[in-house]
N, C-alpha and C. Protein backbone atom coordinates (compact mmCIF):
# COMPACT_ATOMS: atom_id res chain seq x y z
N UNK A 1 -7.06 12.67 -22.77
CA UNK A 1 -6.50 11.33 -22.88
C UNK A 1 -6.76 10.57 -21.59
N UNK A 2 -7.43 9.45 -21.69
CA UNK A 2 -7.70 8.62 -20.53
C UNK A 2 -7.07 7.25 -20.74
N UNK A 3 -6.20 6.85 -19.82
CA UNK A 3 -5.51 5.58 -19.92
C UNK A 3 -6.24 4.52 -19.11
N UNK A 4 -6.44 3.35 -19.72
CA UNK A 4 -7.09 2.24 -19.02
C UNK A 4 -6.11 1.12 -18.70
N UNK A 5 -4.92 1.16 -19.30
CA UNK A 5 -3.90 0.13 -19.11
C UNK A 5 -4.46 -1.24 -19.47
N UNK A 6 -5.12 -1.31 -20.62
CA UNK A 6 -5.70 -2.56 -21.08
C UNK A 6 -4.83 -3.30 -22.09
N UNK A 7 -4.05 -2.54 -22.87
CA UNK A 7 -3.21 -3.15 -23.89
C UNK A 7 -1.79 -2.61 -23.76
N UNK A 8 -0.82 -3.47 -23.88
CA UNK A 8 0.57 -3.03 -23.78
C UNK A 8 1.47 -4.00 -24.53
N UNK A 9 2.53 -3.45 -25.10
CA UNK A 9 3.52 -4.32 -25.72
C UNK A 9 4.89 -3.65 -25.64
N UNK A 10 5.93 -4.50 -25.66
CA UNK A 10 7.31 -4.04 -25.57
C UNK A 10 7.71 -3.37 -26.87
N UNK A 11 8.42 -2.24 -26.76
CA UNK A 11 8.90 -1.53 -27.95
C UNK A 11 10.38 -1.80 -28.16
N UNK A 12 11.22 -1.38 -27.21
CA UNK A 12 12.66 -1.57 -27.36
C UNK A 12 13.36 -1.29 -26.04
N UNK A 13 14.66 -1.61 -26.00
CA UNK A 13 15.52 -1.30 -24.86
C UNK A 13 16.64 -0.40 -25.33
N UNK A 14 17.19 0.37 -24.39
CA UNK A 14 18.30 1.25 -24.72
C UNK A 14 19.10 1.54 -23.46
N UNK A 15 20.38 1.84 -23.64
CA UNK A 15 21.20 2.30 -22.52
C UNK A 15 21.98 3.54 -22.92
N UNK A 16 22.61 3.49 -24.09
CA UNK A 16 23.33 4.67 -24.57
C UNK A 16 22.32 5.74 -24.99
N UNK A 17 22.63 6.97 -24.67
CA UNK A 17 21.68 8.06 -24.93
C UNK A 17 21.39 8.23 -26.42
N UNK A 18 22.36 7.92 -27.27
CA UNK A 18 22.12 8.09 -28.70
C UNK A 18 21.21 7.00 -29.26
N UNK A 19 20.88 6.00 -28.42
CA UNK A 19 20.00 4.94 -28.90
C UNK A 19 18.60 5.02 -28.28
N UNK A 20 18.33 6.08 -27.50
CA UNK A 20 16.98 6.26 -26.99
C UNK A 20 16.02 6.38 -28.16
N UNK A 21 14.99 5.55 -28.22
CA UNK A 21 14.10 5.57 -29.39
C UNK A 21 13.15 6.77 -29.38
N UNK A 22 12.74 7.16 -30.56
CA UNK A 22 11.66 8.13 -30.70
C UNK A 22 10.36 7.32 -30.70
N UNK A 23 9.54 7.53 -29.69
CA UNK A 23 8.37 6.68 -29.49
C UNK A 23 7.15 7.30 -30.16
N UNK A 24 6.53 6.51 -31.03
CA UNK A 24 5.30 6.96 -31.69
C UNK A 24 4.26 5.85 -31.59
N UNK A 25 2.99 6.24 -31.74
CA UNK A 25 1.91 5.26 -31.72
C UNK A 25 1.93 4.47 -33.02
N UNK A 26 1.06 3.48 -33.11
CA UNK A 26 0.98 2.68 -34.34
C UNK A 26 0.49 3.53 -35.51
N UNK A 27 -0.05 4.71 -35.22
CA UNK A 27 -0.51 5.62 -36.27
C UNK A 27 0.51 6.72 -36.55
N UNK A 28 1.67 6.64 -35.88
CA UNK A 28 2.73 7.62 -36.13
C UNK A 28 2.66 8.86 -35.26
N UNK A 29 1.78 8.88 -34.26
CA UNK A 29 1.66 10.04 -33.38
C UNK A 29 2.70 9.95 -32.27
N UNK A 30 3.49 11.01 -32.00
CA UNK A 30 4.46 10.98 -30.90
C UNK A 30 3.77 10.71 -29.56
N UNK A 31 4.38 9.88 -28.74
CA UNK A 31 3.80 9.52 -27.45
C UNK A 31 4.57 10.17 -26.30
N UNK A 32 3.83 10.66 -25.32
CA UNK A 32 4.44 11.13 -24.09
C UNK A 32 4.87 9.91 -23.27
N UNK A 33 5.69 10.16 -22.24
CA UNK A 33 6.26 9.04 -21.49
C UNK A 33 6.03 9.18 -19.98
N UNK A 34 5.79 8.02 -19.34
CA UNK A 34 5.76 7.88 -17.89
C UNK A 34 6.94 7.00 -17.52
N UNK A 35 7.81 7.47 -16.63
CA UNK A 35 8.97 6.69 -16.23
C UNK A 35 8.80 6.16 -14.81
N UNK A 36 9.04 4.85 -14.65
CA UNK A 36 8.99 4.21 -13.33
C UNK A 36 10.42 4.01 -12.85
N UNK A 37 10.71 4.46 -11.63
CA UNK A 37 12.06 4.30 -11.10
C UNK A 37 12.02 3.97 -9.62
N UNK A 38 13.13 3.43 -9.13
CA UNK A 38 13.21 3.06 -7.72
C UNK A 38 14.42 2.19 -7.49
N UNK A 39 14.67 1.90 -6.23
CA UNK A 39 15.80 1.05 -5.88
C UNK A 39 15.63 -0.36 -6.43
N UNK A 40 16.75 -1.03 -6.64
CA UNK A 40 16.70 -2.43 -7.02
C UNK A 40 15.94 -3.22 -5.98
N UNK A 41 15.13 -4.15 -6.42
CA UNK A 41 14.37 -5.04 -5.54
C UNK A 41 13.22 -4.33 -4.82
N UNK A 42 12.79 -3.16 -5.35
CA UNK A 42 11.66 -2.47 -4.74
C UNK A 42 10.32 -3.01 -5.25
N UNK A 43 10.39 -3.85 -6.28
CA UNK A 43 9.16 -4.43 -6.84
C UNK A 43 8.65 -3.70 -8.06
N UNK A 44 9.54 -3.01 -8.75
CA UNK A 44 9.14 -2.19 -9.89
C UNK A 44 8.59 -3.03 -11.05
N UNK A 45 9.31 -4.08 -11.43
CA UNK A 45 8.85 -4.91 -12.55
C UNK A 45 7.54 -5.61 -12.22
N UNK A 46 7.41 -6.06 -10.98
CA UNK A 46 6.17 -6.73 -10.56
C UNK A 46 4.99 -5.76 -10.63
N UNK A 47 5.21 -4.52 -10.18
CA UNK A 47 4.14 -3.53 -10.22
C UNK A 47 3.76 -3.21 -11.67
N UNK A 48 4.75 -3.05 -12.53
CA UNK A 48 4.47 -2.74 -13.94
C UNK A 48 3.67 -3.88 -14.57
N UNK A 49 4.07 -5.12 -14.33
CA UNK A 49 3.35 -6.26 -14.89
C UNK A 49 1.91 -6.32 -14.37
N UNK A 50 1.74 -6.04 -13.08
CA UNK A 50 0.40 -6.05 -12.49
C UNK A 50 -0.45 -4.92 -13.06
N UNK A 51 0.15 -3.75 -13.21
CA UNK A 51 -0.55 -2.60 -13.76
C UNK A 51 -1.00 -2.87 -15.19
N UNK A 52 -0.15 -3.53 -15.97
CA UNK A 52 -0.46 -3.80 -17.37
C UNK A 52 -1.18 -5.13 -17.57
N UNK A 53 -1.40 -5.88 -16.47
CA UNK A 53 -2.07 -7.18 -16.52
C UNK A 53 -1.38 -8.15 -17.46
N UNK A 54 -0.04 -8.09 -17.46
CA UNK A 54 0.78 -9.00 -18.26
C UNK A 54 1.90 -9.51 -17.37
N UNK A 55 1.76 -10.72 -16.81
CA UNK A 55 2.68 -11.22 -15.78
C UNK A 55 4.15 -11.28 -16.18
N UNK A 56 4.45 -11.38 -17.47
CA UNK A 56 5.84 -11.58 -17.88
C UNK A 56 6.35 -10.49 -18.82
N UNK A 57 5.65 -9.34 -18.90
CA UNK A 57 6.06 -8.31 -19.83
C UNK A 57 7.37 -7.66 -19.40
N UNK A 58 7.42 -7.16 -18.16
CA UNK A 58 8.67 -6.64 -17.61
C UNK A 58 9.35 -7.78 -16.86
N UNK A 59 10.64 -7.95 -17.07
CA UNK A 59 11.34 -9.08 -16.49
C UNK A 59 11.47 -8.94 -14.98
N UNK A 60 11.02 -9.97 -14.27
CA UNK A 60 11.10 -10.01 -12.82
C UNK A 60 12.19 -11.00 -12.43
N UNK A 61 13.03 -10.60 -11.49
CA UNK A 61 14.09 -11.50 -11.05
C UNK A 61 14.26 -11.41 -9.55
N UNK A 62 14.67 -12.52 -8.95
CA UNK A 62 14.98 -12.50 -7.52
C UNK A 62 16.32 -11.83 -7.27
N UNK A 63 17.07 -11.58 -8.35
CA UNK A 63 18.38 -10.94 -8.23
C UNK A 63 18.25 -9.45 -8.48
N UNK A 64 18.50 -8.60 -7.47
CA UNK A 64 18.44 -7.15 -7.68
C UNK A 64 19.44 -6.72 -8.75
N UNK A 65 19.09 -5.66 -9.47
CA UNK A 65 19.98 -5.15 -10.50
C UNK A 65 19.81 -5.82 -11.85
N UNK A 66 18.76 -6.63 -12.00
CA UNK A 66 18.55 -7.37 -13.23
C UNK A 66 18.21 -6.45 -14.40
N UNK A 67 17.39 -5.42 -14.14
CA UNK A 67 17.05 -4.48 -15.21
C UNK A 67 18.24 -3.57 -15.45
N UNK A 68 18.89 -3.74 -16.59
CA UNK A 68 20.13 -3.01 -16.86
C UNK A 68 20.00 -2.05 -18.03
N UNK A 69 18.80 -1.91 -18.57
CA UNK A 69 18.57 -0.98 -19.66
C UNK A 69 17.29 -0.21 -19.39
N UNK A 70 17.07 0.84 -20.16
CA UNK A 70 15.79 1.52 -20.14
C UNK A 70 14.88 0.76 -21.09
N UNK A 71 13.75 0.29 -20.60
CA UNK A 71 12.84 -0.52 -21.40
C UNK A 71 11.56 0.25 -21.68
N UNK A 72 11.15 0.30 -22.94
CA UNK A 72 10.05 1.14 -23.40
C UNK A 72 8.87 0.26 -23.80
N UNK A 73 7.66 0.62 -23.31
CA UNK A 73 6.45 -0.14 -23.58
C UNK A 73 5.35 0.79 -24.08
N UNK A 74 4.66 0.36 -25.12
CA UNK A 74 3.48 1.08 -25.61
C UNK A 74 2.28 0.67 -24.76
N UNK A 75 1.57 1.67 -24.20
CA UNK A 75 0.40 1.40 -23.37
C UNK A 75 -0.83 2.02 -24.01
N UNK A 76 -1.79 1.19 -24.36
CA UNK A 76 -3.06 1.63 -24.95
C UNK A 76 -2.86 2.43 -26.24
N UNK A 77 -1.65 2.37 -26.80
CA UNK A 77 -1.30 3.15 -28.00
C UNK A 77 -1.51 4.65 -27.75
N UNK A 78 -1.42 5.04 -26.45
CA UNK A 78 -1.63 6.44 -26.07
C UNK A 78 -0.43 7.05 -25.34
N UNK A 79 0.35 6.18 -24.71
CA UNK A 79 1.47 6.68 -23.92
C UNK A 79 2.55 5.61 -23.86
N UNK A 80 3.77 6.03 -23.55
CA UNK A 80 4.89 5.09 -23.42
C UNK A 80 5.27 4.98 -21.95
N UNK A 81 5.35 3.76 -21.44
CA UNK A 81 5.82 3.49 -20.09
C UNK A 81 7.29 3.10 -20.17
N UNK A 82 8.14 3.74 -19.37
CA UNK A 82 9.57 3.48 -19.40
C UNK A 82 10.00 2.88 -18.06
N UNK A 83 10.55 1.68 -18.12
CA UNK A 83 11.05 0.98 -16.95
C UNK A 83 12.54 1.29 -16.84
N UNK A 84 12.91 2.08 -15.82
CA UNK A 84 14.29 2.52 -15.66
C UNK A 84 15.07 1.53 -14.80
N UNK A 85 16.39 1.40 -15.02
CA UNK A 85 17.20 0.50 -14.19
C UNK A 85 17.10 0.86 -12.71
N UNK A 86 17.04 -0.16 -11.86
CA UNK A 86 17.02 0.10 -10.42
C UNK A 86 18.37 0.60 -9.94
N UNK A 87 18.32 1.47 -8.96
CA UNK A 87 19.57 2.03 -8.42
C UNK A 87 19.82 1.48 -7.02
N UNK A 88 21.05 1.69 -6.53
CA UNK A 88 21.35 1.38 -5.14
C UNK A 88 21.74 -0.05 -4.86
N UNK A 89 22.02 -0.87 -5.89
CA UNK A 89 22.40 -2.26 -5.63
C UNK A 89 23.92 -2.36 -5.59
N UNK A 90 24.48 -2.69 -4.42
CA UNK A 90 25.92 -2.60 -4.19
C UNK A 90 26.73 -3.58 -5.04
N UNK A 91 26.16 -4.73 -5.42
CA UNK A 91 26.95 -5.76 -6.10
C UNK A 91 27.14 -5.50 -7.60
N UNK A 92 26.47 -4.49 -8.13
CA UNK A 92 26.66 -4.16 -9.54
C UNK A 92 28.06 -3.57 -9.71
N UNK A 93 28.82 -4.00 -10.73
CA UNK A 93 30.16 -3.44 -10.95
C UNK A 93 30.14 -1.92 -11.05
N UNK A 94 31.17 -1.27 -10.52
CA UNK A 94 31.21 0.19 -10.46
C UNK A 94 31.11 0.82 -11.85
N UNK A 95 31.78 0.22 -12.84
CA UNK A 95 31.75 0.78 -14.20
C UNK A 95 30.32 0.78 -14.75
N UNK A 96 29.57 -0.31 -14.49
CA UNK A 96 28.19 -0.39 -14.96
C UNK A 96 27.31 0.59 -14.20
N UNK A 97 27.56 0.74 -12.89
CA UNK A 97 26.82 1.72 -12.10
C UNK A 97 26.96 3.11 -12.70
N UNK A 98 28.21 3.47 -13.04
CA UNK A 98 28.46 4.80 -13.60
C UNK A 98 27.77 4.97 -14.95
N UNK A 99 27.76 3.90 -15.75
CA UNK A 99 27.09 3.96 -17.05
C UNK A 99 25.59 4.15 -16.87
N UNK A 100 25.00 3.40 -15.93
CA UNK A 100 23.57 3.56 -15.64
C UNK A 100 23.28 4.98 -15.19
N UNK A 101 24.08 5.46 -14.23
CA UNK A 101 23.85 6.78 -13.66
C UNK A 101 23.92 7.86 -14.74
N UNK A 102 24.89 7.73 -15.65
CA UNK A 102 25.03 8.71 -16.72
C UNK A 102 23.83 8.67 -17.66
N UNK A 103 23.42 7.47 -18.05
CA UNK A 103 22.29 7.33 -18.97
C UNK A 103 20.99 7.84 -18.33
N UNK A 104 20.77 7.48 -17.06
CA UNK A 104 19.57 7.92 -16.37
C UNK A 104 19.56 9.43 -16.22
N UNK A 105 20.70 10.00 -15.86
CA UNK A 105 20.78 11.45 -15.67
C UNK A 105 20.44 12.17 -16.96
N UNK A 106 21.00 11.72 -18.07
CA UNK A 106 20.71 12.36 -19.36
C UNK A 106 19.26 12.16 -19.78
N UNK A 107 18.75 10.96 -19.54
CA UNK A 107 17.35 10.70 -19.89
C UNK A 107 16.42 11.63 -19.12
N UNK A 108 16.62 11.71 -17.80
CA UNK A 108 15.74 12.51 -16.97
C UNK A 108 15.87 14.01 -17.25
N UNK A 109 17.07 14.45 -17.62
CA UNK A 109 17.29 15.87 -17.88
C UNK A 109 16.81 16.30 -19.26
N UNK A 110 16.98 15.44 -20.24
CA UNK A 110 16.82 15.88 -21.62
C UNK A 110 15.60 15.31 -22.34
N UNK A 111 14.93 14.34 -21.78
CA UNK A 111 13.83 13.68 -22.49
C UNK A 111 12.60 14.58 -22.48
N UNK A 112 12.35 15.26 -23.58
CA UNK A 112 11.24 16.20 -23.66
C UNK A 112 9.88 15.51 -23.56
N UNK A 113 9.82 14.26 -23.96
CA UNK A 113 8.54 13.53 -23.93
C UNK A 113 8.19 13.00 -22.55
N UNK A 114 9.11 13.13 -21.58
CA UNK A 114 8.86 12.65 -20.22
C UNK A 114 7.89 13.59 -19.51
N UNK A 115 6.74 13.09 -19.15
CA UNK A 115 5.69 13.93 -18.55
C UNK A 115 5.35 13.55 -17.11
N UNK A 116 5.80 12.39 -16.65
CA UNK A 116 5.44 11.96 -15.30
C UNK A 116 6.46 10.95 -14.79
N UNK A 117 6.85 11.11 -13.52
CA UNK A 117 7.70 10.14 -12.84
C UNK A 117 6.88 9.40 -11.79
N UNK A 118 7.08 8.10 -11.73
CA UNK A 118 6.47 7.29 -10.67
C UNK A 118 7.63 6.69 -9.87
N UNK A 119 7.81 7.19 -8.65
CA UNK A 119 8.92 6.76 -7.80
C UNK A 119 8.42 5.71 -6.82
N UNK A 120 9.03 4.53 -6.85
CA UNK A 120 8.64 3.44 -5.96
C UNK A 120 9.53 3.43 -4.73
N UNK A 121 8.92 3.36 -3.56
CA UNK A 121 9.64 3.24 -2.30
C UNK A 121 9.13 2.01 -1.57
N UNK A 122 10.04 1.26 -0.97
CA UNK A 122 9.66 0.09 -0.18
C UNK A 122 9.02 0.58 1.12
N UNK A 123 7.76 0.19 1.34
CA UNK A 123 7.01 0.64 2.51
C UNK A 123 7.74 0.31 3.81
N UNK A 124 8.55 -0.73 3.79
CA UNK A 124 9.21 -1.20 5.02
C UNK A 124 10.48 -0.43 5.35
N UNK A 125 10.91 0.45 4.45
CA UNK A 125 12.20 1.12 4.60
C UNK A 125 12.03 2.63 4.66
N UNK A 126 12.90 3.30 5.41
CA UNK A 126 12.97 4.75 5.37
C UNK A 126 13.68 5.14 4.07
N UNK A 127 13.21 6.16 3.34
CA UNK A 127 13.85 6.54 2.06
C UNK A 127 15.34 6.79 2.21
N UNK A 128 16.10 6.24 1.26
CA UNK A 128 17.55 6.43 1.24
C UNK A 128 17.88 7.78 0.63
N UNK A 129 19.16 8.14 0.68
CA UNK A 129 19.57 9.40 0.06
C UNK A 129 19.32 9.37 -1.44
N UNK A 130 19.51 8.20 -2.08
CA UNK A 130 19.24 8.10 -3.51
C UNK A 130 17.76 8.31 -3.81
N UNK A 131 16.88 7.78 -2.94
CA UNK A 131 15.45 8.02 -3.09
C UNK A 131 15.15 9.52 -3.01
N UNK A 132 15.73 10.16 -2.00
CA UNK A 132 15.48 11.60 -1.81
C UNK A 132 16.05 12.42 -2.96
N UNK A 133 17.17 11.96 -3.53
CA UNK A 133 17.75 12.66 -4.68
C UNK A 133 16.78 12.65 -5.86
N UNK A 134 16.08 11.51 -6.06
CA UNK A 134 15.08 11.43 -7.13
C UNK A 134 13.95 12.42 -6.89
N UNK A 135 13.55 12.51 -5.65
CA UNK A 135 12.48 13.44 -5.27
C UNK A 135 12.90 14.88 -5.53
N UNK A 136 14.13 15.22 -5.14
CA UNK A 136 14.63 16.58 -5.33
C UNK A 136 14.82 16.88 -6.81
N UNK A 137 15.26 15.87 -7.59
CA UNK A 137 15.42 16.07 -9.03
C UNK A 137 14.08 16.41 -9.68
N UNK A 138 13.06 15.65 -9.34
CA UNK A 138 11.73 15.88 -9.92
C UNK A 138 11.23 17.28 -9.57
N UNK A 139 11.50 17.71 -8.34
CA UNK A 139 11.07 19.04 -7.92
C UNK A 139 11.85 20.12 -8.67
N UNK A 140 13.15 19.93 -8.81
CA UNK A 140 14.00 20.93 -9.47
C UNK A 140 13.60 21.11 -10.93
N UNK A 141 13.34 20.01 -11.62
CA UNK A 141 13.01 20.08 -13.03
C UNK A 141 11.50 20.16 -13.28
N UNK A 142 10.75 20.32 -12.17
CA UNK A 142 9.30 20.53 -12.27
C UNK A 142 8.59 19.41 -13.03
N UNK A 143 9.00 18.18 -12.72
CA UNK A 143 8.34 17.01 -13.30
C UNK A 143 7.29 16.49 -12.31
N UNK A 144 6.06 16.30 -12.75
CA UNK A 144 5.06 15.72 -11.86
C UNK A 144 5.54 14.37 -11.34
N UNK A 145 5.21 14.09 -10.08
CA UNK A 145 5.72 12.89 -9.43
C UNK A 145 4.63 12.21 -8.61
N UNK A 146 4.52 10.91 -8.78
CA UNK A 146 3.68 10.08 -7.91
C UNK A 146 4.61 9.16 -7.13
N UNK A 147 4.44 9.10 -5.82
CA UNK A 147 5.22 8.20 -4.98
C UNK A 147 4.36 6.99 -4.63
N UNK A 148 4.88 5.82 -4.93
CA UNK A 148 4.14 4.58 -4.65
C UNK A 148 4.91 3.78 -3.60
N UNK A 149 4.23 3.48 -2.51
CA UNK A 149 4.82 2.66 -1.45
C UNK A 149 4.49 1.20 -1.72
N UNK A 150 5.50 0.43 -2.09
CA UNK A 150 5.29 -0.96 -2.48
C UNK A 150 5.41 -1.90 -1.28
N UNK A 151 5.00 -3.14 -1.52
CA UNK A 151 5.09 -4.22 -0.54
C UNK A 151 4.28 -3.91 0.72
N UNK A 152 3.16 -3.23 0.53
CA UNK A 152 2.31 -2.89 1.68
C UNK A 152 1.73 -4.14 2.34
N UNK A 153 1.64 -5.23 1.57
CA UNK A 153 1.08 -6.47 2.13
C UNK A 153 2.03 -7.13 3.13
N UNK A 154 3.26 -6.64 3.21
CA UNK A 154 4.23 -7.20 4.15
C UNK A 154 4.07 -6.61 5.55
N UNK A 155 3.20 -5.60 5.69
CA UNK A 155 3.02 -4.93 6.97
C UNK A 155 1.59 -5.05 7.45
N UNK A 156 1.41 -4.98 8.76
CA UNK A 156 0.06 -4.92 9.31
C UNK A 156 -0.46 -3.49 9.14
N UNK A 157 -1.75 -3.31 9.34
CA UNK A 157 -2.33 -1.97 9.18
C UNK A 157 -1.70 -0.99 10.17
N UNK A 158 -1.43 -1.42 11.38
CA UNK A 158 -0.79 -0.55 12.37
C UNK A 158 0.63 -0.21 11.94
N UNK A 159 1.36 -1.21 11.45
CA UNK A 159 2.73 -0.96 10.98
C UNK A 159 2.73 0.00 9.79
N UNK A 160 1.75 -0.14 8.90
CA UNK A 160 1.67 0.76 7.75
C UNK A 160 1.46 2.20 8.20
N UNK A 161 0.58 2.40 9.17
CA UNK A 161 0.30 3.75 9.67
C UNK A 161 1.56 4.39 10.26
N UNK A 162 2.25 3.64 11.12
CA UNK A 162 3.46 4.17 11.76
C UNK A 162 4.57 4.41 10.75
N UNK A 163 4.74 3.46 9.82
CA UNK A 163 5.82 3.58 8.84
C UNK A 163 5.56 4.72 7.88
N UNK A 164 4.29 4.94 7.50
CA UNK A 164 3.98 6.03 6.59
C UNK A 164 4.32 7.37 7.22
N UNK A 165 4.09 7.51 8.52
CA UNK A 165 4.45 8.75 9.21
C UNK A 165 5.95 8.99 9.15
N UNK A 166 6.75 7.94 9.32
CA UNK A 166 8.20 8.07 9.26
C UNK A 166 8.67 8.44 7.85
N UNK A 167 8.04 7.80 6.86
CA UNK A 167 8.40 8.09 5.47
C UNK A 167 8.05 9.53 5.11
N UNK A 168 6.86 9.97 5.51
CA UNK A 168 6.45 11.35 5.24
C UNK A 168 7.38 12.34 5.91
N UNK A 169 7.81 12.05 7.12
CA UNK A 169 8.76 12.93 7.81
C UNK A 169 10.04 13.08 7.00
N UNK A 170 10.55 11.94 6.50
CA UNK A 170 11.80 11.98 5.71
C UNK A 170 11.62 12.76 4.42
N UNK A 171 10.48 12.57 3.75
CA UNK A 171 10.23 13.26 2.50
C UNK A 171 10.04 14.76 2.72
N UNK A 172 9.33 15.12 3.77
CA UNK A 172 9.08 16.53 4.05
C UNK A 172 10.36 17.25 4.48
N UNK A 173 11.24 16.57 5.20
CA UNK A 173 12.51 17.17 5.58
C UNK A 173 13.32 17.49 4.33
N UNK A 174 13.28 16.58 3.34
CA UNK A 174 14.04 16.79 2.11
C UNK A 174 13.42 17.85 1.21
N UNK A 175 12.10 17.87 1.14
CA UNK A 175 11.44 18.68 0.12
C UNK A 175 10.64 19.84 0.69
N UNK A 176 10.31 19.79 1.96
CA UNK A 176 9.43 20.81 2.50
C UNK A 176 7.99 20.34 2.41
N UNK A 177 7.12 21.06 3.03
CA UNK A 177 5.71 20.66 3.10
C UNK A 177 4.99 21.05 1.81
N UNK A 178 5.16 20.22 0.80
CA UNK A 178 4.50 20.42 -0.48
C UNK A 178 3.48 19.31 -0.67
N UNK A 179 2.63 19.50 -1.65
CA UNK A 179 1.63 18.47 -1.92
C UNK A 179 2.31 17.27 -2.59
N UNK A 180 2.40 16.17 -1.87
CA UNK A 180 2.98 14.96 -2.41
C UNK A 180 1.86 13.97 -2.70
N UNK A 181 1.90 13.39 -3.88
CA UNK A 181 0.91 12.39 -4.25
C UNK A 181 1.47 11.03 -3.88
N UNK A 182 0.91 10.42 -2.86
CA UNK A 182 1.45 9.17 -2.33
C UNK A 182 0.33 8.13 -2.24
N UNK A 183 0.64 6.93 -2.68
CA UNK A 183 -0.31 5.83 -2.55
C UNK A 183 0.46 4.56 -2.20
N UNK A 184 -0.21 3.62 -1.57
CA UNK A 184 0.41 2.32 -1.30
C UNK A 184 -0.04 1.35 -2.38
N UNK A 185 0.69 0.24 -2.48
CA UNK A 185 0.39 -0.68 -3.58
C UNK A 185 0.73 -2.11 -3.19
N UNK A 186 -0.11 -3.01 -3.60
CA UNK A 186 0.15 -4.44 -3.44
C UNK A 186 -0.33 -5.14 -4.70
N UNK A 187 0.50 -6.00 -5.26
CA UNK A 187 0.12 -6.71 -6.47
C UNK A 187 -0.99 -7.72 -6.21
N UNK A 188 -1.35 -7.91 -4.94
CA UNK A 188 -2.45 -8.82 -4.60
C UNK A 188 -3.79 -8.09 -4.57
N UNK A 189 -3.77 -6.78 -4.75
CA UNK A 189 -4.98 -5.98 -4.58
C UNK A 189 -5.29 -5.20 -5.85
N UNK A 190 -6.34 -5.63 -6.59
CA UNK A 190 -6.66 -4.97 -7.85
C UNK A 190 -7.34 -3.62 -7.63
N UNK A 191 -7.89 -3.39 -6.44
CA UNK A 191 -8.43 -2.06 -6.14
C UNK A 191 -7.32 -1.03 -6.16
N UNK A 192 -6.17 -1.39 -5.59
CA UNK A 192 -5.03 -0.48 -5.58
C UNK A 192 -4.55 -0.20 -7.01
N UNK A 193 -4.67 -1.19 -7.89
CA UNK A 193 -4.30 -0.99 -9.29
C UNK A 193 -5.13 0.13 -9.89
N UNK A 194 -6.44 0.12 -9.66
CA UNK A 194 -7.32 1.14 -10.22
C UNK A 194 -7.05 2.50 -9.59
N UNK A 195 -6.73 2.50 -8.31
CA UNK A 195 -6.38 3.76 -7.64
C UNK A 195 -5.16 4.39 -8.31
N UNK A 196 -4.16 3.58 -8.60
CA UNK A 196 -2.95 4.09 -9.24
C UNK A 196 -3.25 4.59 -10.66
N UNK A 197 -4.06 3.85 -11.40
CA UNK A 197 -4.45 4.29 -12.74
C UNK A 197 -5.16 5.63 -12.67
N UNK A 198 -6.07 5.79 -11.71
CA UNK A 198 -6.78 7.05 -11.56
C UNK A 198 -5.83 8.19 -11.22
N UNK A 199 -4.84 7.92 -10.36
CA UNK A 199 -3.86 8.94 -10.00
C UNK A 199 -3.03 9.36 -11.21
N UNK A 200 -2.62 8.38 -12.02
CA UNK A 200 -1.84 8.69 -13.22
C UNK A 200 -2.66 9.55 -14.17
N UNK A 201 -3.90 9.17 -14.41
CA UNK A 201 -4.76 9.95 -15.31
C UNK A 201 -4.98 11.36 -14.78
N UNK A 202 -5.22 11.48 -13.48
CA UNK A 202 -5.47 12.80 -12.90
C UNK A 202 -4.23 13.68 -12.97
N UNK A 203 -3.05 13.08 -12.75
CA UNK A 203 -1.81 13.85 -12.78
C UNK A 203 -1.46 14.30 -14.19
N UNK A 204 -1.71 13.43 -15.16
CA UNK A 204 -1.43 13.80 -16.55
C UNK A 204 -2.47 14.77 -17.10
N UNK A 205 -3.68 14.68 -16.59
CA UNK A 205 -4.78 15.51 -17.09
C UNK A 205 -5.50 16.18 -15.92
N UNK A 206 -4.83 17.13 -15.26
CA UNK A 206 -5.47 17.77 -14.10
C UNK A 206 -6.73 18.51 -14.49
N UNK A 207 -7.71 18.47 -13.61
CA UNK A 207 -8.97 19.17 -13.90
C UNK A 207 -8.72 20.67 -13.90
N UNK A 208 -9.28 21.39 -14.87
CA UNK A 208 -9.09 22.84 -14.90
C UNK A 208 -9.76 23.48 -13.68
N UNK A 209 -9.18 24.56 -13.19
CA UNK A 209 -9.81 25.22 -12.03
C UNK A 209 -11.17 25.76 -12.37
N UNK A 210 -12.05 25.73 -11.39
CA UNK A 210 -13.40 26.24 -11.62
C UNK A 210 -13.39 27.77 -11.75
N UNK A 211 -14.11 28.24 -12.72
CA UNK A 211 -14.20 29.69 -12.93
C UNK A 211 -15.42 30.20 -12.16
N UNK A 212 -15.18 31.13 -11.22
CA UNK A 212 -16.32 31.62 -10.42
C UNK A 212 -17.31 32.38 -11.30
N UNK A 213 -18.57 32.20 -11.01
CA UNK A 213 -19.60 32.90 -11.77
C UNK A 213 -19.69 34.36 -11.30
N UNK A 214 -19.95 35.21 -12.24
CA UNK A 214 -20.11 36.63 -11.90
C UNK A 214 -21.36 36.80 -11.06
N UNK A 215 -21.32 37.66 -10.04
CA UNK A 215 -22.52 37.86 -9.21
C UNK A 215 -23.63 38.50 -9.99
């Protein structure tokens, strides 16, 4: 399966676990899922829209915490992209925070069709404890993970180099020296879009190991 991210459309939204949809292609084939998650205002909706080349598909707002449901999108009729509610926004009412946390926890633990997590981190910030918790969760449940550093255009090349070292230190302290798939991203750069698409395809479809020839 090779994804080109050429066609996409909205399927449905859900918050209660009993309303999570069963996602199938237009031909009735069950679809695997890629979930995008990150802190509120990390640029998740903007990245999704840029990746899918549809400026208004995922709702973008200047107000953090706007995405309040799990939103499901059909991509290339081959896979489902899931836009998860942003976490870490202090002004969201506590009751709603708890509802989000419960729904997200159950989704991440029980969704058998979930095959890949894409965790967005703001390049300008050191990962928060909530960010690290997502990293540890993915490791514990053995879910493949791609880390995307957003808003790279807000930093100079020197600042990016120094900040990436700090971010890597924080991630390695939390997880240990494991192979982390990390890329930076800017919605102004279409080369980065293709890099991310290639990473997603490679992670979902890793190349089989080479079999040594007999002497």
